[in-house]
C-alpha atoms as a PDB file:
ATOM      1  CA  MET A   1     -77.602  31.534  67.211  1.00  0.00           C
ATOM      2  CA  ASP A   2     -80.311  30.716  69.696  1.00  0.00           C
ATOM      3  CA  LYS A   3     -79.862  27.937  72.236  1.00  0.00           C
ATOM      4  CA  LEU A   4     -82.182  25.435  70.570  1.00  0.00           C
ATOM      5  CA  ARG A   5     -80.535  25.829  67.157  1.00  0.00           C
ATOM      6  CA  LYS A   6     -77.099  25.511  68.724  1.00  0.00           C
ATOM      7  CA  PHE A   7     -78.156  22.311  70.472  1.00  0.00           C
ATOM      8  CA  GLU A   8     -79.575  20.896  67.240  1.00  0.00           C
ATOM      9  CA  LEU A   9     -76.283  21.610  65.484  1.00  0.00           C
ATOM     10  CA  MET A  10     -74.371  19.953  68.306  1.00  0.00           C
ATOM     11  CA  GLU A  11     -76.618  16.875  68.027  1.00  0.00           C
ATOM     12  CA  LYS A  12     -75.995  16.799  64.277  1.00  0.00           C
ATOM     13  CA  ILE A  13     -72.235  16.821  64.855  1.00  0.00           C
ATOM     14  CA  VAL A  14     -72.529  13.972  67.382  1.00  0.00           C
ATOM     15  CA  HIS A  15     -74.506  11.978  64.798  1.00  0.00           C
ATOM     16  CA  GLU A  16     -71.911  12.694  62.093  1.00  0.00           C
ATOM     17  CA  LEU A  17     -69.081  11.673  64.415  1.00  0.00           C
ATOM     18  CA  ASN A  18     -70.908   8.403  65.099  1.00  0.00           C
ATOM     19  CA  ASP A  19     -71.224   7.835  61.358  1.00  0.00           C
ATOM     20  CA  LEU A  20     -67.530   8.557  60.927  1.00  0.00           C
ATOM     21  CA  LYS A  21     -66.633   6.131  63.712  1.00  0.00           C
ATOM     22  CA  ASN A  22     -68.778   3.426  62.092  1.00  0.00           C
ATOM     23  CA  SER A  23     -67.119   4.072  58.736  1.00  0.00           C
ATOM     24  CA  GLN A  24     -63.680   3.674  60.292  1.00  0.00           C
ATOM     25  CA  GLN A  25     -64.785   0.401  61.894  1.00  0.00           C
ATOM     26  CA  ALA A  26     -65.940  -0.849  58.482  1.00  0.00           C
ATOM     27  CA  LEU A  27     -62.561   0.091  56.992  1.00  0.00           C
ATOM     28  CA  ILE A  28     -60.743  -1.818  59.717  1.00  0.00           C
ATOM     29  CA  GLN A  29     -62.870  -4.888  59.026  1.00  0.00           C
ATOM     30  CA  LYS A  30     -62.278  -4.667  55.269  1.00  0.00           C
ATOM     31  CA  LEU A  31     -58.531  -4.273  55.736  1.00  0.00           C
ATOM     32  CA  GLY A  32     -58.534  -7.277  58.046  1.00  0.00           C
ATOM     33  CA  LYS A  33     -60.328  -9.375  55.433  1.00  0.00           C
ATOM     34  CA  ILE A  34     -57.828  -8.349  52.777  1.00  0.00           C
ATOM     35  CA  GLU A  35     -54.938  -9.203  55.116  1.00  0.00           C
ATOM     36  CA  VAL A  36     -56.426 -12.647  55.767  1.00  0.00           C
ATOM     37  CA  ASP A  37     -56.984 -13.260  52.040  1.00  0.00           C
ATOM     38  CA  ASN A  38     -53.427 -12.228  51.352  1.00  0.00           C
ATOM     39  CA  ILE A  39     -52.094 -14.909  53.703  1.00  0.00           C
ATOM     40  CA  ASP A  40     -52.860 -17.438  50.953  1.00  0.00           C
ATOM     41  CA  LEU A  41     -51.978 -15.088  48.111  1.00  0.00           C
ATOM     42  CA  GLY A  42     -48.693 -13.844  49.543  1.00  0.00           C
ATOM     43  CA  ASP A  43     -48.488 -10.554  47.632  1.00  0.00           C
ATOM     44  CA  LYS A  44     -45.419  -8.678  48.901  1.00  0.00           C
ATOM     45  CA  ARG A  45     -46.832  -5.184  48.341  1.00  0.00           C
ATOM     46  CA  LEU A  46     -49.980  -6.033  50.304  1.00  0.00           C
ATOM     47  CA  GLU A  47     -47.872  -7.603  53.063  1.00  0.00           C
ATOM     48  CA  LYS A  48     -45.825  -4.422  53.247  1.00  0.00           C
ATOM     49  CA  ASP A  49     -48.559  -1.760  53.076  1.00  0.00           C
ATOM     50  CA  LEU A  50     -51.672  -3.254  54.679  1.00  0.00           C
ATOM     51  CA  PRO A  51     -50.398  -3.358  58.276  1.00  0.00           C
ATOM     52  CA  ASP A  52     -49.474   0.341  58.102  1.00  0.00           C
ATOM     53  CA  MET A  53     -52.857   1.200  56.603  1.00  0.00           C
ATOM     54  CA  HIS A  54     -54.588  -0.837  59.278  1.00  0.00           C
ATOM     55  CA  GLN A  55     -52.671   0.991  62.018  1.00  0.00           C
ATOM     56  CA  ARG A  56     -53.432   4.451  60.611  1.00  0.00           C
ATOM     57  CA  VAL A  57     -57.143   3.700  60.314  1.00  0.00           C
ATOM     58  CA  SER A  58     -57.135   2.264  63.830  1.00  0.00           C
ATOM     59  CA  ASP A  59     -55.395   5.383  65.153  1.00  0.00           C
ATOM     60  CA  ASN A  60     -57.964   7.565  63.374  1.00  0.00           C
ATOM     61  CA  MET A  61     -60.776   5.565  64.923  1.00  0.00           C
ATOM     62  CA  ASP A  62     -59.294   6.053  68.387  1.00  0.00           C
ATOM     63  CA  THR A  63     -59.086   9.796  67.774  1.00  0.00           C
ATOM     64  CA  ILE A  64     -62.647   9.943  66.480  1.00  0.00           C
ATOM     65  CA  ALA A  65     -63.894   7.925  69.470  1.00  0.00           C
ATOM     66  CA  GLY A  66     -62.186  10.365  71.837  1.00  0.00           C
ATOM     67  CA  ILE A  67     -63.641  13.388  70.086  1.00  0.00           C
ATOM     68  CA  LEU A  68     -67.072  11.762  70.040  1.00  0.00           C
ATOM     69  CA  GLU A  69     -66.960  11.005  73.752  1.00  0.00           C
ATOM     70  CA  TYR A  70     -65.867  14.566  74.529  1.00  0.00           C
ATOM     71  CA  PHE A  71     -68.390  16.254  72.257  1.00  0.00           C
ATOM     72  CA  ALA A  72     -71.322  14.011  73.246  1.00  0.00           C
ATOM     73  CA  GLY A  73     -70.600  14.905  76.875  1.00  0.00           C
ATOM     74  CA  LYS A  74     -70.420  18.576  76.007  1.00  0.00           C
ATOM     75  CA  THR A  75     -73.724  18.297  74.140  1.00  0.00           C
ATOM     76  CA  ASP A  76     -75.382  16.601  77.130  1.00  0.00           C
ATOM     77  CA  GLU A  77     -74.078  19.299  79.468  1.00  0.00           C
ATOM     78  CA  TYR A  78     -75.362  22.017  77.144  1.00  0.00           C
ATOM     79  CA  GLU A  79     -78.762  20.333  76.981  1.00  0.00           C
ATOM     80  CA  ASN A  80     -79.021  20.111  80.764  1.00  0.00           C
ATOM     81  CA  SER A  81     -77.739  23.593  81.538  1.00  0.00           C
ATOM     82  CA  ASN A  82     -79.987  25.295  78.972  1.00  0.00           C
ATOM     83  CA  ASN A  83     -83.272  23.463  79.586  1.00  0.00           C
ATOM     84  CA  ILE A  84     -83.425  22.291  75.986  1.00  0.00           C
ATOM     85  CA  GLN A  85     -86.458  20.083  76.587  1.00  0.00           C
ATOM     86  CA  GLN A  86     -88.409  23.110  77.793  1.00  0.00           C
ATOM     87  CA  LEU A  87     -87.250  25.125  74.769  1.00  0.00           C
ATOM     88  CA  LYS A  88     -88.406  22.314  72.465  1.00  0.00           C
ATOM     89  CA  GLU A  89     -91.816  22.311  74.136  1.00  0.00           C
ATOM     90  CA  GLN A  90     -92.095  26.082  73.752  1.00  0.00           C
ATOM     91  CA  GLU A  91     -91.105  25.802  70.099  1.00  0.00           C
ATOM     92  CA  ALA A  92     -93.770  23.128  69.540  1.00  0.00           C
ATOM     93  CA  LEU A  93     -96.433  25.373  71.034  1.00  0.00           C
ATOM     94  CA  LYS A  94     -95.577  28.107  68.526  1.00  0.00           C
ATOM     95  CA  LEU A  95     -96.386  25.767  65.659  1.00  0.00           C
END
């Protein structure tokens, strides 16, 4: 795989990780709303299971955020060390 294609794939993964992080945040918000609604309702099963679900999703989000930070940094380093901007300009001239 050439350097430009590798960089593009790395950027795609960073974007997908961001999407995943945003999805986890939305899940946390939805679980929180359900927990608040259940305060009035008082369903025992929801009281039992929702906090565990909330914690697992929160833990997943922390993991995703860590991976995203690591991989975005790795992508930036790759871009800088391989003159990706110059490769993009060369690619544009071929078109």
